[in-house]
Amino acid sequence: MFADRAKIYVRSGKGGDGHVSFRKEKFVPAGGPDGGDGGRGGDVIFEVDEGLNTLTDYRHTGKYCAGDGQEGNKKNCRGKDGKDIVLKVPSGTVIKEFNSGKVIADMSGDNRRIVLLKGGRGGNGNQHYATSTMQAPKYAQPGQPAQELWLQLELKVIADVGLAGFPNVGKSTFLSRVSNARPKIANYHFTTLNPNLGVVDLEDAKGFVIADIPGLIEGASDGAGLGHEFLRHIERTKVIIHVVDAAGTEGRDPIADIYAINRELEKYDSSLTQKPQVIAANKTDAIYDLQESPVDQIKAEFEPKGVQVFPISAISGQGIRELLYHVRKMLDGLDDKPTVFSQEYFPEVALAVSDEPYTVSYDAETDEYVVEGPRVEKMLGYTNLESEKGFAFFQEFLKTTGILERLEELGISEGDTVRMYGHSFDYYK
């Protein structure tokens, strides 16, 4: 069965603890500290694998943990780093924090590989804490704890054009005629269960990817039938081809069907109804001896609203060429960048320990503002400040924790220096 959703648990590796030990050498009665640092915990990494097209593997295994860093050892030996865990997903997978449903990452476009959770930094061994007054420190720093999250993985197909329509209106037949896709076709009164993708090639024009997405029924936006399984996949498409049975071969009213499906799109996400639509009035080969053509009725209802109607027969191919070139023209007028969902949930900020203290003070001797505390130290350990995204995460952390507000209360001005555990920043609003 096609699997496009999965709930999984992920955990990064804990940092190894620093070691407490002292040199023991012949003729050296009081050797200094030589405890090594702990190893770094492994990261949780997501990576796109073009050979995958479902999330089936994640339906059978629900927990994924990176390796813990090893404890440091004597003779200044550093502990071994924990092993990263790399989770392969199909292109188009959206990773969400399970409880809030907020997007952490969308594995589409240029997002081919991301570090979702960083492993904990290894603790310093006691060799780092020797001073002129404390030459035999019996303290080492513990490794940073692991990070953990429950995730919802959702696969949203990547296609330029989506085929919408009630079951049995001819979407699969249409797709098989216009593209290289070979969906199963039969006179079923239920819907296609899997999204089918096909590439449309046009003479003297750029091709496009089209998707026959599982059909809708009324109440789908509330989860009836395949419900969200359909609606999730139409979110990325740029143009919607609304396929209807113009002949009413099963006694359905095509105009009422179009309005019904648009209501479901509106209820699920109002932005879906803003996508450009075109109507494919299918099964014209089955219209016989009617006083008023149903195609004319559909045109009279929707073309004044800016939605063009093309009479087609997916069986004979009549009218399909004109429809496809019109869709290509619609796509040419739109942004050709892939639809990628923006990040809404930032693990570095959300998982920062919230009940540990921090201090903000002014050091008159160095003319610097100093921010310290385990809460800040852990945040720095998880964040890559060299990357633009990492630095943005850190700025958000300073804002949400109230550190920026406290700095302003102390009278910080633009250009002043802020020092945090070996890092120095110039303050600018």
Protein backbone atom coordinates (compact mmCIF):
# COMPACT_ATOMS: atom_id res chain seq x y z
CA MET A 1 0.00 0.00 0.00
CA PHE A 2 1.18 3.52 -0.79
CA ALA A 3 2.46 5.10 2.44
CA ASP A 4 2.59 8.89 2.52
CA ARG A 5 2.54 9.47 6.31
CA ALA A 6 4.52 8.15 9.26
CA LYS A 7 5.00 9.03 12.92
CA ILE A 8 8.53 8.47 14.22
CA TYR A 9 10.69 9.24 17.25
CA VAL A 10 14.22 10.58 16.76
CA ARG A 11 16.99 11.23 19.26
CA SER A 12 20.44 12.68 18.79
CA GLY A 13 23.42 11.32 20.70
CA LYS A 14 24.40 12.46 24.18
CA GLY A 15 27.81 14.08 24.51
CA GLY A 16 30.41 12.01 26.36
CA ASP A 17 31.41 13.16 29.85
CA GLY A 18 34.81 14.71 30.47
CA HIS A 19 37.23 12.55 32.43
CA VAL A 20 38.94 13.18 35.78
CA SER A 21 42.46 11.71 36.01
CA PHE A 22 46.03 12.71 36.90
CA ARG A 23 49.37 11.83 35.40
CA LYS A 24 51.14 8.98 37.14
CA GLU A 25 54.79 8.86 36.10
CA LYS A 26 57.87 7.50 37.75
CA PHE A 27 59.74 10.13 39.76
CA VAL A 28 56.77 12.56 39.32
CA PRO A 29 55.02 12.45 42.71
CA ALA A 30 52.30 14.96 41.83
CA GLY A 31 51.45 14.82 38.15
CA GLY A 32 48.98 17.33 36.76
CA PRO A 33 45.46 16.67 35.47
CA ASP A 34 45.23 14.72 32.22
CA GLY A 35 41.53 13.89 31.90
CA GLY A 36 40.40 13.85 28.25
CA ASP A 37 37.31 15.43 26.75
CA GLY A 38 34.15 13.49 25.98
CA GLY A 39 33.21 12.69 22.39
CA ARG A 40 30.48 14.51 20.51
CA GLY A 41 27.05 12.86 20.27
CA GLY A 42 25.82 11.81 16.84
CA ASP A 43 23.49 13.98 14.76
CA VAL A 44 20.08 13.06 13.32
CA ILE A 45 20.29 13.78 9.59
CA PHE A 46 17.59 13.63 6.91
CA GLU A 47 18.62 13.12 3.29
CA VAL A 48 16.67 12.90 0.03
CA ASP A 49 16.96 9.59 -1.83
CA GLU A 50 15.70 9.84 -5.41
CA GLY A 51 15.17 6.08 -5.45
CA LEU A 52 12.37 6.31 -2.87
CA ASN A 53 8.78 7.29 -3.58
CA THR A 54 6.96 6.25 -0.39
CA LEU A 55 7.47 6.35 3.38
CA THR A 56 6.82 2.62 3.74
CA ASP A 57 10.05 1.90 5.63
CA TYR A 58 9.04 4.28 8.41
CA ARG A 59 5.73 2.49 8.96
CA HIS A 60 7.58 -0.55 10.33
CA THR A 61 10.27 1.08 12.47
CA GLY A 62 9.27 3.97 14.71
CA LYS A 63 12.41 4.89 16.68
CA TYR A 64 15.73 6.19 15.36
CA CYS A 65 18.63 7.11 17.66
CA ALA A 66 22.10 8.44 16.90
CA GLY A 67 25.10 7.13 18.85
CA ASP A 68 26.23 8.64 22.17
CA GLY A 69 29.69 10.14 22.52
CA GLN A 70 32.11 8.14 24.65
CA GLU A 71 33.57 9.41 27.90
CA GLY A 72 37.05 10.93 27.80
CA ASN A 73 39.96 8.93 29.17
CA LYS A 74 43.24 9.44 30.96
CA LYS A 75 46.38 10.71 29.24
CA ASN A 76 44.33 13.45 27.57
CA CYS A 77 42.56 10.88 25.38
CA ARG A 78 39.38 12.23 23.83
CA GLY A 79 36.31 10.02 23.77
CA LYS A 80 35.08 8.64 20.45
CA ASP A 81 32.31 10.62 18.73
CA GLY A 82 28.87 9.04 18.51
CA LYS A 83 27.74 7.80 15.10
CA ASP A 84 25.36 10.00 13.11
CA ILE A 85 22.10 8.46 11.91
CA VAL A 86 21.04 9.32 8.35
CA LEU A 87 17.35 8.87 7.50
CA LYS A 88 16.61 8.61 3.76
CA VAL A 89 13.29 10.04 2.55
CA PRO A 90 11.70 10.65 -0.87
CA SER A 91 11.83 14.11 -2.39
CA GLY A 92 8.75 16.07 -1.31
CA THR A 93 8.75 14.82 2.30
CA VAL A 94 7.66 17.45 4.82
CA ILE A 95 8.99 16.92 8.36
CA LYS A 96 6.74 18.30 11.12
CA GLU A 97 6.89 18.42 14.90
CA PHE A 98 4.19 15.93 15.82
CA ASN A 99 2.30 17.75 18.59
CA SER A 100 2.14 21.21 17.02
CA GLY A 101 2.04 20.14 13.38
CA LYS A 102 4.55 22.89 12.57
CA VAL A 103 6.98 22.42 9.69
CA ILE A 104 10.61 21.77 10.62
CA ALA A 105 11.88 21.04 7.12
CA ASP A 106 10.60 20.47 3.61
CA MET A 107 12.85 18.08 1.69
CA SER A 108 12.17 19.70 -1.67
CA GLY A 109 13.93 22.06 -4.04
CA ASP A 110 17.48 22.70 -2.84
CA ASN A 111 16.85 21.06 0.55
CA ARG A 112 18.55 17.71 -0.07
CA ARG A 113 20.20 17.14 3.30
CA ILE A 114 19.61 18.69 6.73
CA VAL A 115 20.87 18.14 10.26
CA LEU A 116 17.60 18.02 12.16
CA LEU A 117 18.99 17.41 15.67
CA LYS A 118 22.58 18.05 16.65
CA GLY A 119 24.30 15.70 19.02
CA GLY A 120 25.36 16.97 22.44
CA ARG A 121 28.82 18.46 22.77
CA GLY A 122 31.33 16.41 24.73
CA GLY A 123 32.28 17.65 28.21
CA ASN A 124 35.72 19.07 29.01
CA GLY A 125 38.12 16.87 30.94
CA ASN A 126 39.67 18.12 34.16
CA GLN A 127 42.82 19.23 32.30
CA HIS A 128 40.88 22.37 31.29
CA TYR A 129 40.23 23.48 34.86
CA ALA A 130 43.74 23.69 36.26
CA THR A 131 44.66 27.15 37.56
CA SER A 132 47.49 28.63 39.58
CA THR A 133 45.43 28.15 42.71
CA MET A 134 43.72 24.88 41.72
CA GLN A 135 46.40 22.62 40.26
CA ALA A 136 44.59 19.33 40.85
CA PRO A 137 40.93 19.88 39.83
CA LYS A 138 38.72 16.90 40.61
CA TYR A 139 35.95 18.18 38.36
CA ALA A 140 35.15 17.46 34.72
CA GLN A 141 32.28 18.77 32.62
CA PRO A 142 29.44 16.40 31.82
CA GLY A 143 28.47 15.93 28.18
CA GLN A 144 25.46 17.79 26.85
CA PRO A 145 22.23 15.79 26.86
CA ALA A 146 20.62 14.32 23.77
CA GLN A 147 17.77 16.03 21.96
CA GLU A 148 14.61 14.14 21.11
CA LEU A 149 11.46 14.75 19.09
CA TRP A 150 8.36 12.99 17.84
CA LEU A 151 7.95 13.76 14.15
CA GLN A 152 5.19 13.50 11.57
CA LEU A 153 6.54 12.74 8.10
CA GLU A 154 4.23 13.66 5.22
CA LEU A 155 4.94 13.03 1.56
CA LYS A 156 3.39 15.66 -0.71
CA VAL A 157 3.90 14.85 -4.38
CA ILE A 158 5.81 17.35 -6.48
CA ALA A 159 3.91 18.11 -9.69
CA ASP A 160 3.22 21.23 -11.73
CA VAL A 161 -0.38 20.23 -12.42
CA GLY A 162 -2.90 18.28 -10.37
CA LEU A 163 -5.97 16.48 -11.68
CA ALA A 164 -8.97 17.08 -9.42
CA GLY A 165 -12.33 15.43 -9.78
CA PHE A 166 -14.76 12.93 -8.35
CA PRO A 167 -14.02 9.20 -8.76
CA ASN A 168 -14.71 7.64 -12.16
CA VAL A 169 -14.66 10.88 -14.18
CA GLY A 170 -11.72 9.72 -16.32
CA LYS A 171 -8.66 11.22 -14.66
CA SER A 172 -6.57 8.05 -14.90
CA THR A 173 -7.53 7.58 -18.56
CA PHE A 174 -6.61 11.21 -19.26
CA LEU A 175 -3.22 10.82 -17.55
CA SER A 176 -2.40 7.63 -19.44
CA ARG A 177 -3.15 9.36 -22.77
CA VAL A 178 -1.16 12.56 -22.20
CA SER A 179 1.91 11.19 -20.38
CA ASN A 180 4.20 8.25 -19.80
CA ALA A 181 2.24 7.18 -16.71
CA ARG A 182 0.44 3.84 -16.77
CA PRO A 183 -2.15 3.89 -14.00
CA LYS A 184 -4.61 1.05 -13.51
CA ILE A 185 -7.82 1.96 -15.31
CA ALA A 186 -11.24 0.40 -14.79
CA ASN A 187 -14.83 1.43 -14.23
CA TYR A 188 -14.46 1.57 -10.46
CA HIS A 189 -16.96 3.41 -8.33
CA PHE A 190 -14.26 4.15 -5.82
CA THR A 191 -11.17 6.23 -6.24
CA THR A 192 -7.58 5.64 -7.26
CA LEU A 193 -5.67 4.85 -4.07
CA ASN A 194 -2.23 6.11 -5.11
CA PRO A 195 -1.04 9.37 -6.65
CA ASN A 196 0.21 8.69 -10.18
CA LEU A 197 2.81 11.01 -11.72
CA GLY A 198 3.44 11.45 -15.43
CA VAL A 199 5.57 13.72 -17.61
CA VAL A 200 3.77 15.56 -20.42
CA ASP A 201 5.97 16.21 -23.47
CA LEU A 202 4.87 18.93 -25.89
CA GLU A 203 6.19 19.81 -29.34
CA ASP A 204 7.83 23.26 -29.44
CA ALA A 205 7.00 23.83 -25.77
CA LYS A 206 8.38 22.93 -22.36
CA GLY A 207 6.90 19.82 -20.78
CA PHE A 208 5.49 19.54 -17.27
CA VAL A 209 4.73 17.02 -14.54
CA ILE A 210 1.11 16.09 -14.00
CA ALA A 211 -0.40 14.11 -11.12
CA ASP A 212 -3.59 12.09 -10.97
CA ILE A 213 -4.23 12.55 -7.27
CA PRO A 214 -6.71 10.34 -5.37
CA GLY A 215 -10.24 11.54 -6.06
CA LEU A 216 -12.43 13.54 -3.76
CA ILE A 217 -15.79 12.92 -2.20
CA GLU A 218 -17.90 15.39 -0.28
CA GLY A 219 -16.69 15.70 3.32
CA ALA A 220 -13.07 15.01 2.36
CA SER A 221 -11.87 18.17 4.10
CA ASP A 222 -13.24 16.67 7.33
CA GLY A 223 -11.39 13.42 6.67
CA ALA A 224 -14.18 11.47 4.95
CA GLY A 225 -13.10 8.93 2.36
CA LEU A 226 -9.45 9.44 1.49
CA GLY A 227 -9.86 12.99 2.74
CA HIS A 228 -6.54 14.54 3.59
CA GLU A 229 -4.71 11.89 1.58
CA PHE A 230 -5.96 13.74 -1.51
CA LEU A 231 -5.76 17.27 -0.26
CA ARG A 232 -2.20 16.95 1.04
CA HIS A 233 -0.93 16.13 -2.45
CA ILE A 234 -2.59 19.03 -4.23
CA GLU A 235 -0.88 21.64 -2.04
CA ARG A 236 2.28 21.81 -4.18
CA THR A 237 0.63 21.95 -7.60
CA LYS A 238 0.58 25.26 -9.44
CA VAL A 239 -2.42 24.62 -11.72
CA ILE A 240 -5.46 22.43 -11.16
CA ILE A 241 -7.19 20.65 -14.06
CA HIS A 242 -10.71 20.00 -12.88
CA VAL A 243 -11.94 16.87 -14.68
CA VAL A 244 -15.71 16.36 -14.84
CA ASP A 245 -18.00 13.85 -16.51
CA ALA A 246 -19.74 16.25 -18.88
CA ALA A 247 -22.00 13.50 -20.18
CA GLY A 248 -23.33 12.70 -16.70
CA THR A 249 -22.98 9.00 -17.46
CA GLU A 250 -23.74 8.11 -13.83
CA GLY A 251 -26.52 10.62 -13.35
CA ARG A 252 -24.28 13.24 -11.70
CA ASP A 253 -24.54 16.98 -12.37
CA PRO A 254 -21.07 18.18 -13.54
CA ILE A 255 -21.69 21.77 -12.42
CA ALA A 256 -22.72 20.65 -8.94
CA ASP A 257 -19.64 18.39 -8.80
CA ILE A 258 -17.28 21.29 -9.59
CA TYR A 259 -18.79 23.43 -6.84
CA ALA A 260 -18.69 20.52 -4.38
CA ILE A 261 -14.99 19.88 -4.91
CA ASN A 262 -14.14 23.58 -4.71
CA ARG A 263 -15.96 23.68 -1.36
CA GLU A 264 -13.75 20.87 -0.09
CA LEU A 265 -10.63 22.75 -1.24
CA GLU A 266 -11.86 25.91 0.49
CA LYS A 267 -12.58 24.11 3.76
CA TYR A 268 -9.21 22.37 3.83
CA ASP A 269 -7.09 25.40 2.88
CA SER A 270 -8.52 28.56 1.36
CA SER A 271 -5.28 29.15 -0.57
CA LEU A 272 -6.05 26.09 -2.72
CA THR A 273 -9.00 27.87 -4.32
CA GLN A 274 -6.64 30.67 -5.36
CA LYS A 275 -4.68 28.32 -7.60
CA PRO A 276 -5.42 28.75 -11.32
CA GLN A 277 -7.97 26.23 -12.57
CA VAL A 278 -9.08 24.96 -15.93
CA ILE A 279 -12.01 22.61 -16.51
CA ALA A 280 -11.68 19.49 -18.67
CA ALA A 281 -15.24 18.56 -19.66
CA ASN A 282 -14.58 14.87 -20.29
CA LYS A 283 -16.57 12.06 -21.93
CA THR A 284 -17.90 14.26 -24.74
CA ASP A 285 -17.92 11.09 -26.87
CA ALA A 286 -20.82 9.88 -24.68
CA ILE A 287 -23.05 12.94 -25.26
CA TYR A 288 -25.93 12.01 -27.60
CA ASP A 289 -28.84 13.98 -29.04
CA LEU A 290 -29.20 16.54 -26.26
CA GLN A 291 -31.15 19.71 -27.02
CA GLU A 292 -28.69 21.80 -24.99
CA SER A 293 -25.09 20.70 -24.78
CA PRO A 294 -23.93 20.15 -21.18
CA VAL A 295 -20.54 21.56 -22.22
CA ASP A 296 -22.25 24.83 -23.15
CA GLN A 297 -23.93 24.85 -19.75
CA ILE A 298 -20.59 24.37 -17.99
CA LYS A 299 -19.03 27.16 -20.09
CA ALA A 300 -21.89 29.52 -19.33
CA GLU A 301 -21.47 28.87 -15.60
CA PHE A 302 -17.69 29.11 -15.23
CA GLU A 303 -16.11 31.03 -18.11
CA PRO A 304 -17.61 34.36 -16.93
CA LYS A 305 -15.72 33.65 -13.67
CA GLY A 306 -12.41 33.36 -15.54
CA VAL A 307 -12.19 29.56 -15.63
CA GLN A 308 -11.83 28.22 -19.17
CA VAL A 309 -13.63 25.04 -20.19
CA PHE A 310 -12.22 22.54 -22.72
CA PRO A 311 -14.44 19.76 -24.06
CA ILE A 312 -12.34 16.59 -24.31
CA SER A 313 -12.57 12.86 -24.72
CA ALA A 314 -9.86 10.99 -22.83
CA ILE A 315 -10.83 7.87 -24.79
CA SER A 316 -10.47 9.31 -28.31
CA GLY A 317 -8.04 12.13 -27.54
CA GLN A 318 -10.32 14.82 -28.93
CA GLY A 319 -9.60 18.31 -27.53
CA ILE A 320 -6.67 17.20 -25.36
CA ARG A 321 -3.94 18.95 -27.38
CA GLU A 322 -5.63 22.35 -27.02
CA LEU A 323 -6.06 21.80 -23.27
CA LEU A 324 -2.41 20.86 -22.70
CA TYR A 325 -1.03 23.88 -24.58
CA HIS A 326 -3.37 26.15 -22.63
CA VAL A 327 -2.09 24.66 -19.35
CA ARG A 328 1.51 25.18 -20.51
CA LYS A 329 0.67 28.84 -21.19
CA MET A 330 -0.80 29.12 -17.68
CA LEU A 331 2.36 27.66 -16.17
CA ASP A 332 4.57 30.04 -18.17
CA GLY A 333 2.82 32.93 -16.44
CA LEU A 334 3.62 31.58 -12.97
CA ASP A 335 6.76 31.37 -10.85
CA ASP A 336 8.61 28.22 -11.91
CA LYS A 337 10.27 27.72 -8.53
CA PRO A 338 9.04 24.61 -6.68
CA THR A 339 6.60 25.13 -3.83
CA VAL A 340 8.57 24.66 -0.61
CA PHE A 341 6.93 25.01 2.80
CA SER A 342 8.66 27.45 5.16
CA GLN A 343 10.11 26.39 8.48
CA GLU A 344 7.81 27.09 11.43
CA TYR A 345 9.40 25.05 14.23
CA PHE A 346 13.04 25.46 15.27
CA PRO A 347 14.34 22.56 17.40
CA GLU A 348 17.38 24.56 18.57
CA VAL A 349 15.08 27.10 20.17
CA ALA A 350 12.20 24.86 21.25
CA LEU A 351 14.42 22.22 22.86
CA ALA A 352 16.70 24.62 24.68
CA VAL A 353 16.47 23.84 28.40
CA SER A 354 13.99 26.37 29.77
CA ASP A 355 14.32 25.88 33.53
CA GLU A 356 18.04 26.52 33.90
CA PRO A 357 19.30 29.96 34.88
CA TYR A 358 21.38 32.48 33.00
CA THR A 359 22.93 35.81 33.95
CA VAL A 360 23.39 39.02 31.99
CA SER A 361 25.91 41.53 33.35
CA TYR A 362 28.20 44.38 32.33
CA ASP A 363 31.98 43.97 32.73
CA ALA A 364 33.33 47.51 33.16
CA GLU A 365 36.94 46.32 32.99
CA THR A 366 36.61 44.95 29.45
CA ASP A 367 33.66 47.18 28.47
CA GLU A 368 31.65 44.11 27.47
CA TYR A 369 28.26 42.68 28.28
CA VAL A 370 28.55 39.09 29.49
CA VAL A 371 25.87 36.41 29.13
CA GLU A 372 26.48 33.17 31.04
CA GLY A 373 24.69 30.12 32.40
CA PRO A 374 24.11 26.47 31.48
CA ARG A 375 21.07 27.40 29.43
CA VAL A 376 23.17 29.61 27.15
CA GLU A 377 26.10 27.20 27.05
CA LYS A 378 23.88 24.33 25.90
CA MET A 379 22.30 26.48 23.21
CA LEU A 380 25.72 27.44 21.86
CA GLY A 381 26.75 23.79 21.86
CA TYR A 382 23.83 22.82 19.63
CA THR A 383 24.04 25.73 17.21
CA ASN A 384 26.31 26.27 14.23
CA LEU A 385 26.84 30.03 14.34
CA GLU A 386 28.83 29.92 11.11
CA SER A 387 25.67 29.24 9.07
CA GLU A 388 23.07 31.88 8.32
CA LYS A 389 20.26 29.62 9.53
CA GLY A 390 22.12 28.72 12.72
CA PHE A 391 22.74 32.35 13.57
CA ALA A 392 19.05 33.13 12.93
CA PHE A 393 18.12 30.33 15.36
CA PHE A 394 20.42 31.82 17.98
CA GLN A 395 18.95 35.31 17.56
CA GLU A 396 15.48 33.83 18.06
CA PHE A 397 16.70 32.11 21.23
CA LEU A 398 18.06 35.40 22.63
CA LYS A 399 14.75 37.06 21.91
CA THR A 400 12.41 34.38 23.29
CA THR A 401 14.43 33.86 26.49
CA GLY A 402 14.41 37.59 27.32
CA ILE A 403 18.19 37.99 27.06
CA LEU A 404 17.92 40.80 24.52
CA GLU A 405 15.42 42.59 26.73
CA ARG A 406 17.77 42.26 29.71
CA LEU A 407 20.70 43.66 27.68
CA GLU A 408 18.60 46.69 26.75
CA GLU A 409 17.67 47.20 30.40
CA LEU A 410 21.40 47.36 31.18
CA GLY A 411 21.80 50.15 28.62
CA ILE A 412 23.45 48.35 25.71
CA SER A 413 23.95 50.46 22.57
CA GLU A 414 24.53 49.57 18.94
CA GLY A 415 28.12 48.49 18.36
CA ASP A 416 28.67 47.33 21.97
CA THR A 417 30.24 43.89 22.46
CA VAL A 418 28.43 40.90 23.96
CA ARG A 419 30.55 37.96 25.19
CA MET A 420 29.22 34.43 25.57
CA TYR A 421 31.53 31.50 26.34
CA GLY A 422 34.37 32.42 23.99
CA HIS A 423 32.10 34.04 21.38
CA SER A 424 31.96 37.81 20.97
CA PHE A 425 29.24 39.67 19.04
CA ASP A 426 28.62 43.28 18.17
CA TYR A 427 25.09 44.31 19.19
CA TYR A 428 22.82 45.77 16.51
CA LYS A 429 19.06 46.09 16.54
